[in-house]
Protein backbone atom coordinates (compact mmCIF):
# COMPACT_ATOMS: atom_id res chain seq x y z
CA UNK A 1 63.00 67.07 56.07
CA UNK A 2 64.05 70.74 52.38
CA UNK A 3 66.88 73.26 51.47
CA UNK A 4 68.08 76.54 49.71
CA UNK A 5 71.05 78.57 48.99
CA UNK A 6 70.09 80.46 52.23
CA UNK A 7 71.98 80.94 55.68
CA UNK A 8 69.57 83.24 57.97
CA UNK A 9 69.35 82.87 61.68
CA UNK A 10 66.60 81.58 63.55
CA UNK A 11 66.87 84.59 66.06
CA UNK A 12 65.10 87.16 63.87
CA UNK A 13 61.71 86.63 64.39
CA UNK A 14 59.21 88.68 65.98
CA UNK A 15 55.72 87.88 67.48
CA UNK A 16 52.42 87.87 65.21
CA UNK A 17 51.11 90.65 64.99
CA UNK A 18 46.80 90.58 65.20
CA UNK A 19 45.36 90.52 61.60
CA UNK A 20 43.04 92.86 59.93
CA UNK A 21 39.37 92.65 59.09
CA UNK A 22 39.36 90.41 56.04
CA UNK A 23 42.97 90.09 56.18
CA UNK A 24 45.28 87.87 54.36
CA UNK A 25 46.86 85.62 57.19
CA UNK A 26 49.14 86.43 60.51
CA UNK A 27 52.41 87.78 60.54
CA UNK A 28 55.42 86.12 60.72
CA UNK A 29 56.21 84.94 63.94
CA UNK A 30 58.95 87.09 65.60
CA UNK A 31 60.69 86.51 69.47
CA UNK A 32 58.12 87.96 71.72
CA UNK A 33 58.50 90.89 73.35
CA UNK A 34 56.06 90.26 76.62
CA UNK A 35 57.38 89.30 79.77
CA UNK A 36 58.39 85.69 80.73
CA UNK A 37 56.21 83.59 82.75
CA UNK A 38 58.16 82.77 85.13
CA UNK A 39 56.86 80.01 86.68
CA UNK A 40 56.14 78.24 82.97
CA UNK A 41 60.19 78.85 82.17
CA UNK A 42 61.24 76.35 85.38
CA UNK A 43 59.15 73.51 83.86
CA UNK A 44 61.84 73.56 80.96
CA UNK A 45 64.53 71.58 81.75
CA UNK A 46 67.95 73.30 82.98
CA UNK A 47 70.14 71.86 80.80
CA UNK A 48 67.95 73.42 77.82
CA UNK A 49 68.47 76.94 76.09
CA UNK A 50 65.47 78.94 75.31
CA UNK A 51 65.95 80.36 71.97
CA UNK A 52 62.26 82.35 72.14
CA UNK A 53 59.01 83.14 73.52
CA UNK A 54 55.93 83.67 71.52
CA UNK A 55 52.36 84.83 72.70
CA UNK A 56 50.28 83.73 69.71
CA UNK A 57 46.28 83.02 69.77
CA UNK A 58 45.84 79.82 68.21
CA UNK A 59 42.30 79.37 68.22
CA UNK A 60 40.62 82.75 68.12
CA UNK A 61 39.22 82.30 71.54
CA UNK A 62 39.92 84.80 74.28
CA UNK A 63 43.34 83.98 75.66
CA UNK A 64 46.83 83.47 73.87
CA UNK A 65 48.93 80.47 73.77
CA UNK A 66 52.51 80.86 74.69
CA UNK A 67 55.01 78.90 72.89
CA UNK A 68 58.41 78.52 73.91
CA UNK A 69 60.96 77.17 72.01
CA UNK A 70 64.31 75.39 73.42
CA UNK A 71 67.46 73.83 72.24
CA UNK A 72 68.77 70.52 74.12
CA UNK A 73 72.61 71.09 75.46
CA UNK A 74 74.63 69.63 72.22
CA UNK A 75 72.16 71.14 69.84
CA UNK A 76 71.19 68.23 68.59
CA UNK A 77 67.20 68.70 68.72
CA UNK A 78 64.33 71.78 69.02
CA UNK A 79 61.87 70.96 71.57
CA UNK A 80 58.39 73.19 71.59
CA UNK A 81 56.22 73.80 74.52
CA UNK A 82 52.92 75.00 74.07
CA UNK A 83 51.24 76.14 77.01
CA UNK A 84 47.39 77.39 77.76
CA UNK A 85 46.52 79.13 81.07
CA UNK A 86 49.79 77.79 82.55
CA UNK A 87 48.57 74.33 81.35
CA UNK A 88 51.02 72.19 79.02
CA UNK A 89 49.06 71.70 75.87
CA UNK A 90 51.71 70.84 73.12
CA UNK A 91 54.65 69.08 73.09
CA UNK A 92 57.20 69.12 70.00
CA UNK A 93 60.18 68.22 68.77
CA UNK A 94 62.27 68.20 65.76
CA UNK A 95 65.69 68.10 64.42
CA UNK A 96 68.06 70.91 65.47
CA UNK A 97 68.39 73.01 62.18
CA UNK A 98 69.96 76.46 61.37
CA UNK A 99 66.85 77.87 59.37
CA UNK A 100 63.91 77.37 61.15
CA UNK A 101 61.04 80.00 60.36
CA UNK A 102 57.06 79.67 61.27
CA UNK A 103 53.96 81.37 60.66
CA UNK A 104 50.02 80.74 61.73
CA UNK A 105 47.67 81.12 59.31
CA UNK A 106 43.73 79.58 59.38
CA UNK A 107 43.03 77.90 56.16
CA UNK A 108 40.69 75.69 57.04
CA UNK A 109 37.01 75.75 58.64
CA UNK A 110 38.18 75.31 62.01
CA UNK A 111 38.90 78.44 64.20
CA UNK A 112 42.57 76.40 64.96
CA UNK A 113 45.28 77.95 62.71
CA UNK A 114 47.27 75.58 61.00
CA UNK A 115 51.39 76.17 60.95
CA UNK A 116 53.58 76.85 58.22
CA UNK A 117 57.31 75.95 58.62
CA UNK A 118 60.74 76.62 56.80
CA UNK A 119 63.52 74.62 57.98
CA UNK A 120 66.27 73.26 56.75
CA UNK A 121 70.26 74.37 56.10
CA UNK A 122 72.05 76.72 53.58
CA UNK A 123 71.66 73.94 51.08
CA UNK A 124 68.22 73.19 51.49
CA UNK A 125 64.83 74.36 53.18
CA UNK A 126 61.27 72.58 53.39
CA UNK A 127 57.93 74.36 53.07
CA UNK A 128 55.69 72.50 55.03
CA UNK A 129 51.87 73.29 56.22
CA UNK A 130 51.10 71.45 59.06
CA UNK A 131 48.02 71.00 60.95
CA UNK A 132 47.77 69.93 64.91
CA UNK A 133 45.43 66.68 65.72
CA UNK A 134 44.91 65.47 69.19
CA UNK A 135 48.60 65.54 70.54
CA UNK A 136 50.56 65.59 66.97
CA UNK A 137 51.53 67.72 64.42
CA UNK A 138 50.60 66.24 61.19
CA UNK A 139 51.98 67.06 57.38
CA UNK A 140 49.60 68.47 55.28
CA UNK A 141 51.58 69.54 52.20
CA UNK A 142 55.67 70.34 51.50
CA UNK A 143 55.61 73.31 48.86
CA UNK A 144 57.61 75.29 46.75
CA UNK A 145 57.59 79.09 47.96
CA UNK A 146 56.63 82.26 45.69
CA UNK A 147 56.95 85.63 46.64
CA UNK A 148 54.44 88.83 45.61
CA UNK A 149 56.90 92.15 46.11
CA UNK A 150 54.82 95.07 45.50
CA UNK A 151 57.93 96.64 44.27
CA UNK A 152 58.40 94.84 41.36
CA UNK A 153 54.52 94.63 39.69
CA UNK A 154 53.71 91.18 38.42
CA UNK A 155 57.02 89.53 38.92
CA UNK A 156 57.00 86.07 40.78
CA UNK A 157 60.33 85.50 43.12
CA UNK A 158 61.78 82.64 44.78
CA UNK A 159 60.46 83.50 48.41
CA UNK A 160 63.43 83.38 51.05
CA UNK A 161 62.32 82.51 54.87
CA UNK A 162 63.27 86.21 55.99
CA UNK A 163 61.86 87.83 52.60
CA UNK A 164 58.44 86.52 53.61
CA UNK A 165 55.68 88.97 55.42
CA UNK A 166 52.63 87.31 54.95
CA UNK A 167 51.13 83.92 53.50
CA UNK A 168 48.86 85.61 50.34
CA UNK A 169 44.76 84.31 51.62
CA UNK A 170 41.72 85.98 50.76
CA UNK A 171 38.49 86.27 53.10
CA UNK A 172 37.42 82.99 51.53
CA UNK A 173 40.54 81.17 52.98
CA UNK A 174 41.93 80.98 49.51
CA UNK A 175 45.57 80.60 48.67
CA UNK A 176 47.36 82.33 45.63
CA UNK A 177 48.90 79.16 43.85
CA UNK A 178 50.33 77.76 40.94
CA UNK A 179 50.24 73.82 39.84
CA UNK A 180 51.66 71.53 37.56
CA UNK A 181 55.14 73.21 36.81
CA UNK A 182 57.31 70.16 37.70
CA UNK A 183 59.91 73.21 38.95
CA UNK A 184 63.36 71.50 39.01
CA UNK A 185 65.25 72.12 42.62
CA UNK A 186 69.02 71.52 42.38
CA UNK A 187 68.99 72.00 46.60
CA UNK A 188 68.50 69.10 49.12
CA UNK A 189 64.80 69.10 49.35
CA UNK A 190 62.03 66.78 50.83
CA UNK A 191 60.35 65.06 48.03
CA UNK A 192 57.08 63.52 49.57
CA UNK A 193 56.05 59.63 48.49
CA UNK A 194 52.54 60.84 48.76
CA UNK A 195 53.00 63.74 45.98
CA UNK A 196 52.95 64.30 42.50
CA UNK A 197 54.76 67.80 42.69
CA UNK A 198 55.57 70.62 45.24
CA UNK A 199 52.64 72.98 44.03
CA UNK A 200 54.38 77.05 44.43
CA UNK A 201 52.34 79.05 47.22
CA UNK A 202 52.50 82.94 47.16
CA UNK A 203 53.60 84.99 50.14
CA UNK A 204 53.45 88.92 49.94
CA UNK A 205 57.31 89.93 51.29
CA UNK A 206 60.06 92.46 50.32
CA UNK A 207 62.54 90.56 48.27
CA UNK A 208 66.30 90.38 49.09
CA UNK A 209 66.90 88.61 45.51
CA UNK A 210 65.42 90.06 42.60
CA UNK A 211 67.66 88.05 40.38
CA UNK A 212 65.43 84.92 41.63
CA UNK A 213 62.39 85.35 39.52
CA UNK A 214 60.48 82.40 38.88
CA UNK A 215 59.78 82.50 35.12
CA UNK A 216 57.23 80.09 32.82
CA UNK A 217 55.09 79.37 35.41
CA UNK A 218 51.56 78.22 34.77
CA UNK A 219 48.97 80.74 35.52
CA UNK A 220 48.57 81.54 39.29
CA UNK A 221 44.96 80.37 40.52
CA UNK A 222 43.31 80.76 43.85
CA UNK A 223 42.48 77.36 46.15
CA UNK A 224 41.61 76.62 49.40
CA UNK A 225 43.81 73.97 51.33
CA UNK A 226 41.28 70.98 50.75
CA UNK A 227 41.37 71.30 46.81
CA UNK A 228 45.12 72.55 47.05
CA UNK A 229 46.44 69.13 48.82
CA UNK A 230 43.78 66.75 46.85
CA UNK A 231 45.34 68.38 43.41
CA UNK A 232 48.96 68.05 44.79
CA UNK A 233 48.35 64.17 45.85
CA UNK A 234 48.97 60.73 43.73
CA UNK A 235 45.71 59.32 44.24
CA UNK A 236 43.91 59.26 47.55
CA UNK A 237 47.15 59.01 49.63
CA UNK A 238 46.51 59.68 53.19
CA UNK A 239 48.48 62.22 55.70
CA UNK A 240 51.56 62.23 55.74
CA UNK A 241 53.02 61.74 59.71
CA UNK A 242 56.89 62.32 58.87
CA UNK A 243 56.95 64.91 61.44
CA UNK A 244 56.03 62.31 64.14
CA UNK A 245 57.62 59.36 63.44
CA UNK A 246 61.22 60.20 61.52
CA UNK A 247 63.90 61.23 63.98
CA UNK A 248 66.56 61.89 60.80
CA UNK A 249 66.22 62.10 56.94
CA UNK A 250 68.64 61.85 54.49
CA UNK A 251 67.94 62.37 50.37
CA UNK A 252 70.62 62.24 48.49
CA UNK A 253 71.66 60.14 45.19
CA UNK A 254 73.52 56.97 46.69
CA UNK A 255 73.88 54.60 43.95
CA UNK A 256 74.88 57.20 41.24
CA UNK A 257 72.39 57.22 38.94
CA UNK A 258 71.35 60.67 39.12
CA UNK A 259 68.42 59.98 40.70
CA UNK A 260 68.18 61.43 44.41
CA UNK A 261 67.70 58.35 47.49
CA UNK A 262 66.33 58.20 50.82
CA UNK A 263 67.24 57.03 54.00
CA UNK A 264 64.95 57.20 56.95
CA UNK A 265 65.53 56.64 60.66
CA UNK A 266 61.85 55.80 62.61
CA UNK A 267 61.02 56.37 66.30
CA UNK A 268 61.42 52.95 68.11
CA UNK A 269 57.39 53.56 69.77
CA UNK A 270 57.75 49.73 72.03
CA UNK A 271 59.87 51.86 74.19
CA UNK A 272 58.25 54.40 76.60
CA UNK A 273 60.36 56.78 77.37
CA UNK A 274 60.61 59.44 74.18
CA UNK A 275 64.33 60.02 74.81
CA UNK A 276 65.04 56.49 74.21
CA UNK A 277 62.14 56.40 71.40
CA UNK A 278 64.34 58.31 69.71
CA UNK A 279 68.00 57.13 70.10
CA UNK A 280 67.51 53.09 70.91
CA UNK A 281 66.98 50.29 68.79
CA UNK A 282 66.10 52.41 65.39
CA UNK A 283 64.38 50.65 62.31
CA UNK A 284 66.26 52.29 59.64
CA UNK A 285 64.84 52.32 55.99
CA UNK A 286 66.29 53.00 52.27
CA UNK A 287 64.17 53.73 49.87
CA UNK A 288 65.43 53.98 45.40
CA UNK A 289 64.54 57.31 44.16
CA UNK A 290 62.76 56.45 40.80
CA UNK A 291 61.15 58.60 38.36
CA UNK A 292 57.55 57.98 39.73
CA UNK A 293 58.33 58.64 43.55
CA UNK A 294 60.70 56.40 46.24
CA UNK A 295 60.39 52.50 46.56
CA UNK A 296 61.83 50.49 49.66
CA UNK A 297 64.57 49.20 48.94
CA UNK A 298 66.62 47.96 52.18
CA UNK A 299 65.48 47.43 55.59
CA UNK A 300 67.13 46.91 58.83
CA UNK A 301 65.81 47.09 62.60
CA UNK A 302 68.58 45.75 64.49
CA UNK A 303 71.40 47.59 63.68
CA UNK A 304 71.11 50.72 65.75
CA UNK A 305 72.17 49.43 69.79
CA UNK A 306 69.81 48.83 72.27
CA UNK A 307 69.20 50.79 75.77
CA UNK A 308 72.34 49.39 77.61
CA UNK A 309 71.06 50.04 81.37
CA UNK A 310 74.65 49.62 82.86
CA UNK A 311 75.69 53.03 81.90
CA UNK A 312 74.32 56.05 80.46
CA UNK A 313 75.05 56.88 76.37
CA UNK A 314 73.48 59.15 73.82
CA UNK A 315 72.74 55.66 71.23
CA UNK A 316 71.78 57.06 67.73
CA UNK A 317 72.95 60.36 66.93
CA UNK A 318 73.80 61.48 62.66
CA UNK A 319 74.01 60.32 58.92
CA UNK A 320 76.97 61.57 57.21
CA UNK A 321 76.57 60.54 53.84
CA UNK A 322 79.56 60.91 51.19
CA UNK A 323 79.09 60.11 47.81
CA UNK A 324 78.45 56.32 47.48
CA UNK A 325 79.36 55.88 51.14
CA UNK A 326 77.17 56.88 54.27
CA UNK A 327 77.84 56.28 58.21
CA UNK A 328 75.62 55.62 60.85
CA UNK A 329 77.11 57.47 63.80
CA UNK A 330 76.11 55.99 67.55
CA UNK A 331 77.21 56.43 71.29
CA UNK A 332 77.29 53.16 73.23
CA UNK A 333 79.40 52.09 76.21
CA UNK A 334 82.01 49.44 77.59
CA UNK A 335 80.92 50.17 81.35
CA UNK A 336 80.14 52.93 83.30
CA UNK A 337 82.61 55.08 82.65
CA UNK A 338 84.23 54.41 79.15
CA UNK A 339 81.98 56.03 76.33
CA UNK A 340 82.13 54.56 72.92
CA UNK A 341 81.42 56.31 69.55
CA UNK A 342 80.36 53.64 66.84
CA UNK A 343 80.88 54.16 62.83
CA UNK A 344 79.36 52.09 60.84
CA UNK A 345 80.11 52.83 57.21
CA UNK A 346 78.25 51.25 54.33
CA UNK A 347 79.32 50.99 50.81
CA UNK A 348 76.30 51.38 48.28
CA UNK A 349 77.58 48.98 45.38
CA UNK A 350 75.30 48.94 42.12
CA UNK A 351 71.77 47.54 43.73
CA UNK A 352 73.22 46.30 46.58
CA UNK A 353 75.08 48.07 49.93
CA UNK A 354 77.50 46.48 51.75
CA UNK A 355 79.69 47.17 55.48
CA UNK A 356 82.48 48.90 54.29
CA UNK A 357 83.65 49.57 57.93
CA UNK A 358 83.21 49.74 61.48
CA UNK A 359 85.59 52.15 64.32
CA UNK A 360 85.09 53.07 67.41
CA UNK A 361 86.18 55.93 69.36
CA UNK A 362 86.77 56.18 73.24
CA UNK A 363 86.00 58.22 76.33
CA UNK A 364 86.84 57.80 79.94
CA UNK A 365 84.27 60.08 81.93
CA UNK A 366 86.71 59.42 85.33
CA UNK A 367 89.98 60.07 83.54
CA UNK A 368 89.44 63.10 80.46
CA UNK A 369 93.49 62.65 80.40
CA UNK A 370 93.57 59.15 79.31
CA UNK A 371 94.02 58.12 76.04
CA UNK A 372 92.41 55.24 74.10
CA UNK A 373 93.06 53.95 71.37
CA UNK A 374 90.43 54.00 68.64
CA UNK A 375 89.78 50.98 66.57
CA UNK A 376 88.61 49.91 63.32
CA UNK A 377 87.45 46.64 61.32
CA UNK A 378 87.51 46.39 57.54
CA UNK A 379 86.29 43.88 55.31
CA UNK A 380 89.42 41.87 55.90
CA UNK A 381 88.01 41.21 59.18
CA UNK A 382 84.52 40.15 58.05
CA UNK A 383 84.30 39.42 54.47
CA UNK A 384 80.90 40.70 52.67
CA UNK A 385 78.14 41.71 54.72
CA UNK A 386 74.94 43.12 53.05
CA UNK A 387 73.25 46.16 55.17
CA UNK A 388 69.95 44.51 55.87
CA UNK A 389 72.28 41.50 57.93
CA UNK A 390 74.01 43.63 60.34
CA UNK A 391 72.70 44.18 63.68
CA UNK A 392 74.13 44.47 67.07
CA UNK A 393 75.07 41.08 67.65
CA UNK A 394 76.77 41.00 64.77
CA UNK A 395 78.51 44.24 65.69
CA UNK A 396 79.70 42.83 69.31
CA UNK A 397 80.69 39.72 67.88
CA UNK A 398 83.28 41.53 65.65
CA UNK A 399 84.75 43.83 68.14
CA UNK A 400 85.54 40.78 70.56
CA UNK A 401 87.99 39.75 67.33
CA UNK A 402 90.53 43.06 68.80
């Protein structure tokens, strides 16, 4: 998943207000002041922290929906539970991010509103339009956000999430946009494979950074969402299902050629339990960035450990990139009591990727004060091994050497 130099709290959100006749759209969703439905909240896992509750009319019928957003005990993931008349109708999850805003607006011909999200970190935010289809949240479009502030006449600004009030859309559901700008961004953000550009979509609001003007944009025009998607996509690319299948995405320049590359970790949908789908035996793909987009570079389906029923462990947890090195972090175990945090580090060398080192740290759940020395294996222990050849069985064999 996009990113700008901003650091805003997600706790400043207010509930959507009703739109006026022929209004531009629903306002930014904020923390609800309505009373909590205690019976519904009892269904949320007890160790999750509830961040916000929102009462939203998603489909313009007589009943509002309740959306409960919660964070797991480790602050790793957000979970959204959508209820209608007390029944759970949708459940979405995504990685925890410190910047997390959303808005709702009806942008097409049906009665159900689309979701507009701004999610990311201080060094980059993704702006994305989603549509709910069945039980999935489907990416429609990634875009750059523009802001129109009535205090500054015809000037255009970059839209930071907490400056946004409404998305600009007329009574014919046409958006105010600017296309074909090839706008350079120096932050970390998603560059979708199926889009030739990130179009600018404009919001109304009040800028807190009037120095962040968007100059030399192509003329603003009005387009409906379907036409905007068609104009932004490469060929006849189908909808992206990134939200549904990608557990972790990192976009950075790994090989030092000045073009950002991409690492993606995918769900293992062959497993039945949702937690296991996102933590064990996960496929990993690495894409090389080119002038025309991302191309598949390396792939490994056997690196992340499978679930071990002899003890409870967390499996895959994170990817950390530093220069031309990246580390896959995952938790396994030796027995029921000893948890093992594993760190598998790779080095990018020209057009290839090799295992650089493997390390483990240990924690005894039965004796928290017990100190167990960490271990590290380097290329002296295993020579040169390519990324695609590192597997669970390889690592288990390597660990038996110390």
